[in-house]
Amino acid sequence: MNNMIEDLNILFTKLLKAEVKKIDFKRDQYSLSNEHLKSEFTKDILCMANAPGEDGYILLGIKSEKGKPKDITGISHHHDSSDLEQLVNSIIEPPIHFEYYPHQYKRAECALIRIPSSSSRPHWPKKDYGVLKRHVFYTRRGSGNRDASMAEIRDMC
């Protein structure tokens, strides 16, 4: 268990130095109180899974400016990892496997979401849901999420 905590500390510190291309910082915990907010969370996971390259990461409790971490704000609560995965996979096909890790950093509660590079891409919404449209392919470009271009869809396949 201690090795896992040490490894998580090392990874979290590395990610704060923005040494990874597929990374997103969120000041607040995802609110999942309605369909729109749930679809925004799902879209973030979907875009990371469809983007080419290495694993993707979302760090919660980190305020950013121009894509770079600025302040450690912390979050007030955590979601259950299996509930998050169940939510995403009720909307997306094929299923996306990702991990949610609660993490304390400099006395602030934070979280790290790791979205492994997917060999099953492309992933797509199997139904209209909030901001997601059925059978539309989404990906991450730079520091933003977008509809995938035809060339990006071909690369996914």
N, C-alpha and C. Protein backbone atom coordinates (compact mmCIF):
# COMPACT_ATOMS: atom_id res chain seq x y z
N MET A 1 0.83 -1.20 0.00
CA MET A 1 0.00 0.00 0.00
C MET A 1 0.87 1.26 0.00
N ASN A 2 1.94 1.28 0.80
CA ASN A 2 2.82 2.46 0.85
C ASN A 2 3.47 2.73 -0.49
N ASN A 3 3.85 1.65 -1.22
CA ASN A 3 4.44 1.84 -2.55
C ASN A 3 3.46 2.50 -3.50
N MET A 4 2.19 2.10 -3.41
CA MET A 4 1.17 2.71 -4.27
C MET A 4 1.02 4.19 -3.95
N ILE A 5 1.01 4.54 -2.68
CA ILE A 5 0.89 5.95 -2.27
C ILE A 5 2.11 6.73 -2.74
N GLU A 6 3.30 6.15 -2.60
CA GLU A 6 4.52 6.81 -3.08
C GLU A 6 4.47 7.00 -4.58
N ASP A 7 4.06 5.95 -5.31
CA ASP A 7 3.95 6.04 -6.76
C ASP A 7 2.95 7.12 -7.17
N LEU A 8 1.83 7.20 -6.45
CA LEU A 8 0.82 8.20 -6.74
C LEU A 8 1.36 9.60 -6.47
N ASN A 9 2.12 9.77 -5.40
CA ASN A 9 2.76 11.07 -5.10
C ASN A 9 3.71 11.48 -6.22
N ILE A 10 4.52 10.54 -6.69
CA ILE A 10 5.48 10.83 -7.76
C ILE A 10 4.74 11.20 -9.04
N LEU A 11 3.71 10.42 -9.40
CA LEU A 11 2.94 10.70 -10.60
C LEU A 11 2.23 12.04 -10.51
N PHE A 12 1.60 12.33 -9.38
CA PHE A 12 0.87 13.58 -9.19
C PHE A 12 1.82 14.77 -9.36
N THR A 13 2.99 14.69 -8.74
CA THR A 13 3.99 15.76 -8.85
C THR A 13 4.44 15.94 -10.30
N LYS A 14 4.67 14.83 -10.99
CA LYS A 14 5.08 14.88 -12.40
C LYS A 14 4.00 15.54 -13.25
N LEU A 15 2.75 15.18 -12.98
CA LEU A 15 1.65 15.75 -13.76
C LEU A 15 1.49 17.24 -13.51
N LEU A 16 1.75 17.68 -12.30
CA LEU A 16 1.67 19.11 -11.99
C LEU A 16 2.75 19.91 -12.73
N LYS A 17 3.81 19.24 -13.11
CA LYS A 17 4.86 19.90 -13.91
C LYS A 17 4.51 19.85 -15.39
N ALA A 18 3.31 19.31 -15.68
CA ALA A 18 2.80 19.23 -17.06
C ALA A 18 3.78 18.54 -18.00
N GLU A 19 4.34 17.43 -17.54
CA GLU A 19 5.26 16.65 -18.37
C GLU A 19 4.53 15.66 -19.26
N VAL A 20 3.21 15.67 -19.21
CA VAL A 20 2.39 14.75 -19.98
C VAL A 20 1.48 15.58 -20.88
N LYS A 21 1.30 15.14 -22.13
CA LYS A 21 0.50 15.92 -23.08
C LYS A 21 -1.00 15.80 -22.84
N LYS A 22 -1.47 14.61 -22.54
CA LYS A 22 -2.90 14.40 -22.35
C LYS A 22 -3.24 14.60 -20.88
N ILE A 23 -3.43 15.87 -20.52
CA ILE A 23 -3.71 16.20 -19.12
C ILE A 23 -4.71 17.36 -19.07
N ASP A 24 -5.58 17.30 -18.08
CA ASP A 24 -6.54 18.37 -17.88
C ASP A 24 -6.62 18.64 -16.38
N PHE A 25 -6.73 19.90 -16.01
CA PHE A 25 -6.83 20.30 -14.61
C PHE A 25 -8.22 20.87 -14.37
N LYS A 26 -8.84 20.43 -13.29
CA LYS A 26 -10.17 20.92 -12.92
C LYS A 26 -10.10 21.45 -11.49
N ARG A 27 -10.56 22.66 -11.28
CA ARG A 27 -10.54 23.25 -9.95
C ARG A 27 -11.49 22.52 -9.01
N ASP A 28 -12.65 22.13 -9.53
CA ASP A 28 -13.70 21.55 -8.69
C ASP A 28 -13.93 20.08 -9.03
N GLN A 29 -14.53 19.40 -8.08
CA GLN A 29 -15.00 18.04 -8.31
C GLN A 29 -16.13 18.11 -9.33
N TYR A 30 -16.26 17.09 -10.15
CA TYR A 30 -17.38 17.03 -11.08
C TYR A 30 -18.68 16.95 -10.29
N SER A 31 -19.63 17.79 -10.65
CA SER A 31 -20.98 17.67 -10.11
C SER A 31 -21.73 16.73 -11.04
N LEU A 32 -22.43 15.80 -10.46
CA LEU A 32 -23.17 14.81 -11.26
C LEU A 32 -24.65 14.87 -10.91
N SER A 33 -25.15 16.08 -10.66
CA SER A 33 -26.51 16.25 -10.16
C SER A 33 -27.58 16.24 -11.25
N ASN A 34 -27.16 16.32 -12.52
CA ASN A 34 -28.16 16.27 -13.59
C ASN A 34 -27.52 15.70 -14.85
N GLU A 35 -28.36 15.43 -15.86
CA GLU A 35 -27.89 14.80 -17.09
C GLU A 35 -26.82 15.64 -17.80
N HIS A 36 -27.01 16.95 -17.84
CA HIS A 36 -26.04 17.82 -18.51
C HIS A 36 -24.65 17.68 -17.86
N LEU A 37 -24.59 17.75 -16.54
CA LEU A 37 -23.31 17.67 -15.84
C LEU A 37 -22.68 16.28 -15.96
N LYS A 38 -23.51 15.25 -15.92
CA LYS A 38 -23.01 13.89 -16.12
C LYS A 38 -22.43 13.72 -17.52
N SER A 39 -23.08 14.34 -18.50
CA SER A 39 -22.59 14.23 -19.88
C SER A 39 -21.28 14.99 -20.07
N GLU A 40 -21.09 16.09 -19.36
CA GLU A 40 -19.82 16.83 -19.43
C GLU A 40 -18.68 15.97 -18.88
N PHE A 41 -18.91 15.30 -17.76
CA PHE A 41 -17.91 14.38 -17.21
C PHE A 41 -17.61 13.27 -18.21
N THR A 42 -18.66 12.65 -18.74
CA THR A 42 -18.50 11.56 -19.69
C THR A 42 -17.73 12.00 -20.92
N LYS A 43 -18.02 13.21 -21.40
CA LYS A 43 -17.32 13.73 -22.58
C LYS A 43 -15.83 13.90 -22.30
N ASP A 44 -15.47 14.37 -21.12
CA ASP A 44 -14.05 14.51 -20.78
C ASP A 44 -13.33 13.16 -20.83
N ILE A 45 -13.97 12.13 -20.27
CA ILE A 45 -13.37 10.79 -20.29
C ILE A 45 -13.30 10.27 -21.73
N LEU A 46 -14.38 10.43 -22.47
CA LEU A 46 -14.45 9.98 -23.86
C LEU A 46 -13.37 10.62 -24.73
N CYS A 47 -13.20 11.92 -24.60
CA CYS A 47 -12.21 12.63 -25.41
C CYS A 47 -10.79 12.17 -25.09
N MET A 48 -10.50 11.97 -23.83
CA MET A 48 -9.18 11.47 -23.45
C MET A 48 -8.94 10.07 -24.02
N ALA A 49 -9.95 9.21 -23.94
CA ALA A 49 -9.81 7.84 -24.44
C ALA A 49 -9.61 7.81 -25.95
N ASN A 50 -10.23 8.72 -26.68
CA ASN A 50 -10.13 8.74 -28.14
C ASN A 50 -8.89 9.46 -28.66
N ALA A 51 -8.27 10.27 -27.83
CA ALA A 51 -7.09 11.03 -28.28
C ALA A 51 -5.91 10.08 -28.47
N PRO A 52 -5.09 10.33 -29.48
CA PRO A 52 -3.93 9.45 -29.70
C PRO A 52 -2.86 9.67 -28.62
N GLY A 53 -1.98 8.71 -28.51
CA GLY A 53 -0.84 8.87 -27.60
C GLY A 53 -0.99 8.10 -26.31
N GLU A 54 -0.23 8.56 -25.34
CA GLU A 54 -0.13 7.88 -24.05
C GLU A 54 -1.40 8.03 -23.22
N ASP A 55 -1.36 7.52 -22.00
CA ASP A 55 -2.48 7.63 -21.07
C ASP A 55 -2.86 9.10 -20.86
N GLY A 56 -4.12 9.34 -20.56
CA GLY A 56 -4.59 10.68 -20.25
C GLY A 56 -4.89 10.81 -18.76
N TYR A 57 -4.84 12.04 -18.26
CA TYR A 57 -5.05 12.29 -16.83
C TYR A 57 -5.90 13.53 -16.64
N ILE A 58 -6.78 13.46 -15.64
CA ILE A 58 -7.53 14.62 -15.19
C ILE A 58 -7.22 14.77 -13.71
N LEU A 59 -6.73 15.94 -13.32
CA LEU A 59 -6.42 16.22 -11.92
C LEU A 59 -7.49 17.15 -11.37
N LEU A 60 -8.15 16.73 -10.31
CA LEU A 60 -9.20 17.52 -9.68
C LEU A 60 -8.65 18.22 -8.46
N GLY A 61 -9.10 19.47 -8.26
CA GLY A 61 -8.64 20.27 -7.13
C GLY A 61 -7.45 21.13 -7.50
N ILE A 62 -7.25 21.32 -8.81
CA ILE A 62 -6.12 22.11 -9.31
C ILE A 62 -6.65 23.21 -10.23
N LYS A 63 -6.49 24.44 -9.81
CA LYS A 63 -6.88 25.58 -10.65
C LYS A 63 -5.80 25.77 -11.70
N SER A 64 -6.21 25.99 -12.94
CA SER A 64 -5.23 26.16 -14.02
C SER A 64 -5.44 27.49 -14.73
N GLU A 65 -4.41 27.88 -15.44
CA GLU A 65 -4.47 29.08 -16.27
C GLU A 65 -3.73 28.75 -17.56
N LYS A 66 -4.43 28.88 -18.68
CA LYS A 66 -3.87 28.57 -19.99
C LYS A 66 -3.30 27.16 -20.04
N GLY A 67 -4.04 26.22 -19.43
CA GLY A 67 -3.63 24.82 -19.48
C GLY A 67 -2.53 24.41 -18.53
N LYS A 68 -2.06 25.33 -17.72
CA LYS A 68 -0.98 25.04 -16.76
C LYS A 68 -1.53 25.15 -15.34
N PRO A 69 -1.07 24.27 -14.45
CA PRO A 69 -1.55 24.36 -13.06
C PRO A 69 -1.11 25.65 -12.41
N LYS A 70 -2.03 26.26 -11.65
CA LYS A 70 -1.71 27.53 -11.00
C LYS A 70 -1.79 27.42 -9.48
N ASP A 71 -2.90 26.89 -8.95
CA ASP A 71 -3.10 26.79 -7.50
C ASP A 71 -3.69 25.43 -7.15
N ILE A 72 -3.36 24.97 -5.96
CA ILE A 72 -3.98 23.78 -5.39
C ILE A 72 -5.20 24.26 -4.59
N THR A 73 -6.39 23.94 -5.07
CA THR A 73 -7.60 24.39 -4.39
C THR A 73 -8.24 23.29 -3.55
N GLY A 74 -8.04 22.05 -3.94
CA GLY A 74 -8.66 20.93 -3.26
C GLY A 74 -10.13 20.79 -3.66
N ILE A 75 -10.69 19.66 -3.33
CA ILE A 75 -12.11 19.38 -3.58
C ILE A 75 -12.76 18.97 -2.26
N SER A 76 -14.07 19.08 -2.22
CA SER A 76 -14.78 18.85 -0.95
C SER A 76 -15.18 17.39 -0.74
N HIS A 77 -15.24 16.60 -1.81
CA HIS A 77 -15.67 15.21 -1.68
C HIS A 77 -15.15 14.39 -2.85
N HIS A 78 -15.30 13.08 -2.72
CA HIS A 78 -14.89 12.16 -3.79
C HIS A 78 -16.10 11.37 -4.27
N HIS A 79 -16.03 10.93 -5.52
CA HIS A 79 -17.03 10.01 -6.07
C HIS A 79 -16.48 8.60 -5.99
N ASP A 80 -17.37 7.64 -6.01
CA ASP A 80 -16.97 6.24 -6.03
C ASP A 80 -16.52 5.87 -7.45
N SER A 81 -15.35 5.29 -7.56
CA SER A 81 -14.77 4.95 -8.86
C SER A 81 -15.68 4.04 -9.69
N SER A 82 -16.25 3.03 -9.06
CA SER A 82 -17.09 2.10 -9.82
C SER A 82 -18.38 2.78 -10.29
N ASP A 83 -18.92 3.72 -9.51
CA ASP A 83 -20.10 4.47 -9.94
C ASP A 83 -19.78 5.33 -11.16
N LEU A 84 -18.60 5.95 -11.16
CA LEU A 84 -18.19 6.78 -12.30
C LEU A 84 -18.04 5.93 -13.56
N GLU A 85 -17.39 4.79 -13.42
CA GLU A 85 -17.19 3.92 -14.58
C GLU A 85 -18.53 3.39 -15.09
N GLN A 86 -19.43 3.06 -14.19
CA GLN A 86 -20.76 2.58 -14.58
C GLN A 86 -21.52 3.68 -15.33
N LEU A 87 -21.43 4.92 -14.86
CA LEU A 87 -22.09 6.03 -15.54
C LEU A 87 -21.57 6.16 -16.98
N VAL A 88 -20.26 6.26 -17.12
CA VAL A 88 -19.66 6.45 -18.45
C VAL A 88 -20.04 5.30 -19.38
N ASN A 89 -19.94 4.08 -18.88
CA ASN A 89 -20.16 2.93 -19.75
C ASN A 89 -21.64 2.64 -20.03
N SER A 90 -22.53 3.36 -19.34
CA SER A 90 -23.95 3.26 -19.68
C SER A 90 -24.27 4.15 -20.89
N ILE A 91 -23.34 5.03 -21.24
CA ILE A 91 -23.54 5.99 -22.33
C ILE A 91 -22.63 5.69 -23.52
N ILE A 92 -21.46 5.14 -23.26
CA ILE A 92 -20.40 4.98 -24.26
C ILE A 92 -20.24 3.53 -24.69
N GLU A 93 -19.89 3.34 -25.96
CA GLU A 93 -19.46 2.03 -26.41
C GLU A 93 -18.26 2.17 -27.31
N PRO A 94 -17.39 1.20 -27.40
CA PRO A 94 -17.20 0.14 -26.42
C PRO A 94 -16.82 0.74 -25.06
N PRO A 95 -16.91 -0.08 -24.00
CA PRO A 95 -16.63 0.43 -22.65
C PRO A 95 -15.24 1.07 -22.53
N ILE A 96 -15.15 2.07 -21.67
CA ILE A 96 -13.89 2.74 -21.37
C ILE A 96 -13.54 2.41 -19.93
N HIS A 97 -12.34 1.89 -19.73
CA HIS A 97 -11.88 1.58 -18.38
C HIS A 97 -10.94 2.69 -17.92
N PHE A 98 -11.21 3.23 -16.75
CA PHE A 98 -10.38 4.30 -16.19
C PHE A 98 -10.37 4.15 -14.68
N GLU A 99 -9.45 4.85 -14.03
CA GLU A 99 -9.32 4.75 -12.58
C GLU A 99 -9.42 6.12 -11.94
N TYR A 100 -10.07 6.17 -10.79
CA TYR A 100 -10.22 7.38 -9.99
C TYR A 100 -9.47 7.15 -8.69
N TYR A 101 -8.51 8.02 -8.39
CA TYR A 101 -7.72 7.90 -7.17
C TYR A 101 -7.87 9.15 -6.31
N PRO A 102 -8.47 9.04 -5.12
CA PRO A 102 -8.42 10.16 -4.18
C PRO A 102 -6.97 10.37 -3.77
N HIS A 103 -6.55 11.61 -3.61
CA HIS A 103 -5.15 11.87 -3.27
C HIS A 103 -5.02 13.16 -2.46
N GLN A 104 -4.29 13.09 -1.40
CA GLN A 104 -4.03 14.30 -0.62
C GLN A 104 -2.69 14.88 -1.07
N TYR A 105 -2.71 16.15 -1.45
CA TYR A 105 -1.50 16.82 -1.93
C TYR A 105 -1.38 18.15 -1.20
N LYS A 106 -0.28 18.33 -0.50
CA LYS A 106 -0.05 19.55 0.28
C LYS A 106 -1.26 19.89 1.15
N ARG A 107 -1.75 18.90 1.85
CA ARG A 107 -2.87 19.01 2.79
C ARG A 107 -4.20 19.35 2.13
N ALA A 108 -4.29 19.24 0.83
CA ALA A 108 -5.54 19.48 0.12
C ALA A 108 -6.04 18.16 -0.47
N GLU A 109 -7.33 17.92 -0.34
CA GLU A 109 -7.92 16.74 -0.96
C GLU A 109 -8.01 16.99 -2.46
N CYS A 110 -7.41 16.13 -3.23
CA CYS A 110 -7.43 16.21 -4.68
C CYS A 110 -7.82 14.82 -5.21
N ALA A 111 -7.85 14.68 -6.51
CA ALA A 111 -8.10 13.38 -7.12
C ALA A 111 -7.39 13.33 -8.46
N LEU A 112 -7.06 12.12 -8.85
CA LEU A 112 -6.43 11.86 -10.13
C LEU A 112 -7.28 10.83 -10.86
N ILE A 113 -7.65 11.16 -12.08
CA ILE A 113 -8.35 10.20 -12.93
C ILE A 113 -7.38 9.82 -14.05
N ARG A 114 -7.12 8.53 -14.16
CA ARG A 114 -6.21 8.02 -15.20
C ARG A 114 -7.06 7.30 -16.25
N ILE A 115 -6.92 7.76 -17.49
CA ILE A 115 -7.62 7.15 -18.61
C ILE A 115 -6.57 6.48 -19.49
N PRO A 116 -6.42 5.15 -19.37
CA PRO A 116 -5.38 4.47 -20.14
C PRO A 116 -5.59 4.64 -21.64
N SER A 117 -4.50 4.67 -22.36
CA SER A 117 -4.56 4.71 -23.82
C SER A 117 -5.40 3.51 -24.27
N SER A 118 -6.36 3.75 -25.13
CA SER A 118 -7.33 2.71 -25.47
C SER A 118 -7.02 2.03 -26.79
N SER A 119 -6.96 0.70 -26.74
CA SER A 119 -6.80 -0.07 -27.98
C SER A 119 -8.15 -0.35 -28.61
N SER A 120 -9.24 0.04 -27.93
CA SER A 120 -10.60 -0.19 -28.44
C SER A 120 -11.18 1.04 -29.11
N ARG A 121 -10.38 2.10 -29.27
CA ARG A 121 -10.94 3.31 -29.85
C ARG A 121 -11.23 3.10 -31.32
N PRO A 122 -12.18 3.78 -31.87
CA PRO A 122 -12.89 4.91 -31.28
C PRO A 122 -14.04 4.47 -30.36
N HIS A 123 -14.30 5.33 -29.39
CA HIS A 123 -15.45 5.18 -28.49
C HIS A 123 -16.45 6.26 -28.89
N TRP A 124 -17.73 6.00 -28.70
CA TRP A 124 -18.75 6.96 -29.08
C TRP A 124 -19.98 6.80 -28.19
N PRO A 125 -20.79 7.86 -28.09
CA PRO A 125 -22.05 7.74 -27.34
C PRO A 125 -23.03 6.84 -28.09
N LYS A 126 -23.64 5.93 -27.38
CA LYS A 126 -24.62 5.05 -28.02
C LYS A 126 -26.02 5.65 -27.99
N LYS A 127 -26.15 6.84 -27.36
CA LYS A 127 -27.44 7.53 -27.30
C LYS A 127 -27.18 9.01 -27.11
N ASP A 128 -28.16 9.83 -27.47
CA ASP A 128 -28.09 11.26 -27.14
C ASP A 128 -28.16 11.36 -25.63
N TYR A 129 -27.27 12.17 -25.06
CA TYR A 129 -27.26 12.31 -23.60
C TYR A 129 -26.61 13.64 -23.26
N GLY A 130 -27.40 14.60 -22.77
CA GLY A 130 -26.86 15.91 -22.42
C GLY A 130 -26.19 16.55 -23.63
N VAL A 131 -24.88 16.88 -23.48
CA VAL A 131 -24.14 17.53 -24.57
C VAL A 131 -23.66 16.53 -25.62
N LEU A 132 -23.79 15.24 -25.36
CA LEU A 132 -23.30 14.21 -26.27
C LEU A 132 -24.38 13.81 -27.28
N LYS A 133 -23.96 13.65 -28.51
CA LYS A 133 -24.87 13.23 -29.56
C LYS A 133 -24.53 11.81 -30.01
N ARG A 134 -25.56 11.02 -30.17
CA ARG A 134 -25.42 9.62 -30.56
C ARG A 134 -24.55 9.47 -31.82
N HIS A 135 -23.59 8.58 -31.75
CA HIS A 135 -22.71 8.20 -32.86
C HIS A 135 -21.81 9.34 -33.37
N VAL A 136 -21.63 10.38 -32.56
CA VAL A 136 -20.66 11.43 -32.91
C VAL A 136 -19.35 11.08 -32.22
N PHE A 137 -18.26 11.21 -32.94
CA PHE A 137 -16.94 10.91 -32.38
C PHE A 137 -16.34 12.19 -31.82
N TYR A 138 -15.82 12.09 -30.61
CA TYR A 138 -15.22 13.24 -29.92
C TYR A 138 -13.77 12.90 -29.60
N THR A 139 -12.92 13.93 -29.58
CA THR A 139 -11.52 13.72 -29.21
C THR A 139 -10.99 14.98 -28.53
N ARG A 140 -9.78 14.87 -28.08
CA ARG A 140 -9.11 15.98 -27.42
C ARG A 140 -8.05 16.53 -28.37
N ARG A 141 -8.06 17.83 -28.56
CA ARG A 141 -7.04 18.53 -29.36
C ARG A 141 -6.48 19.63 -28.51
N GLY A 142 -5.17 19.63 -28.31
CA GLY A 142 -4.56 20.64 -27.45
C GLY A 142 -5.12 20.49 -26.05
N SER A 143 -5.68 21.57 -25.53
CA SER A 143 -6.24 21.50 -24.18
C SER A 143 -7.76 21.52 -24.19
N GLY A 144 -8.35 21.18 -25.35
CA GLY A 144 -9.81 21.22 -25.43
C GLY A 144 -10.41 19.99 -26.06
N ASN A 145 -11.69 19.79 -25.81
CA ASN A 145 -12.45 18.67 -26.36
C ASN A 145 -13.23 19.16 -27.58
N ARG A 146 -13.26 18.33 -28.63
CA ARG A 146 -13.89 18.74 -29.89
C ARG A 146 -14.52 17.53 -30.58
N ASP A 147 -15.41 17.82 -31.54
CA ASP A 147 -15.86 16.77 -32.45
C ASP A 147 -14.64 16.37 -33.27
N ALA A 148 -14.48 15.08 -33.50
CA ALA A 148 -13.33 14.61 -34.28
C ALA A 148 -13.53 14.89 -35.76
N SER A 149 -12.45 15.24 -36.44
CA SER A 149 -12.48 15.42 -37.88
C SER A 149 -12.46 14.04 -38.54
N MET A 150 -12.75 14.00 -39.83
CA MET A 150 -12.72 12.73 -40.56
C MET A 150 -11.32 12.11 -40.48
N ALA A 151 -10.27 12.90 -40.60
CA ALA A 151 -8.90 12.38 -40.52
C ALA A 151 -8.63 11.80 -39.14
N GLU A 152 -9.12 12.46 -38.10
CA GLU A 152 -8.92 11.95 -36.73
C GLU A 152 -9.68 10.65 -36.51
N ILE A 153 -10.87 10.54 -37.08
CA ILE A 153 -11.65 9.30 -36.97
C ILE A 153 -10.91 8.18 -37.67
N ARG A 154 -10.36 8.44 -38.87
CA ARG A 154 -9.59 7.42 -39.58
C ARG A 154 -8.40 6.96 -38.75
N ASP A 155 -7.70 7.92 -38.10
CA ASP A 155 -6.54 7.56 -37.27
C ASP A 155 -6.96 6.70 -36.08
N MET A 156 -8.15 6.94 -35.54
CA MET A 156 -8.62 6.14 -34.41
C MET A 156 -8.82 4.68 -34.81
N CYS A 157 -9.27 4.50 -36.06
CA CYS A 157 -9.56 3.14 -36.54
C CYS A 157 -8.29 2.43 -36.97
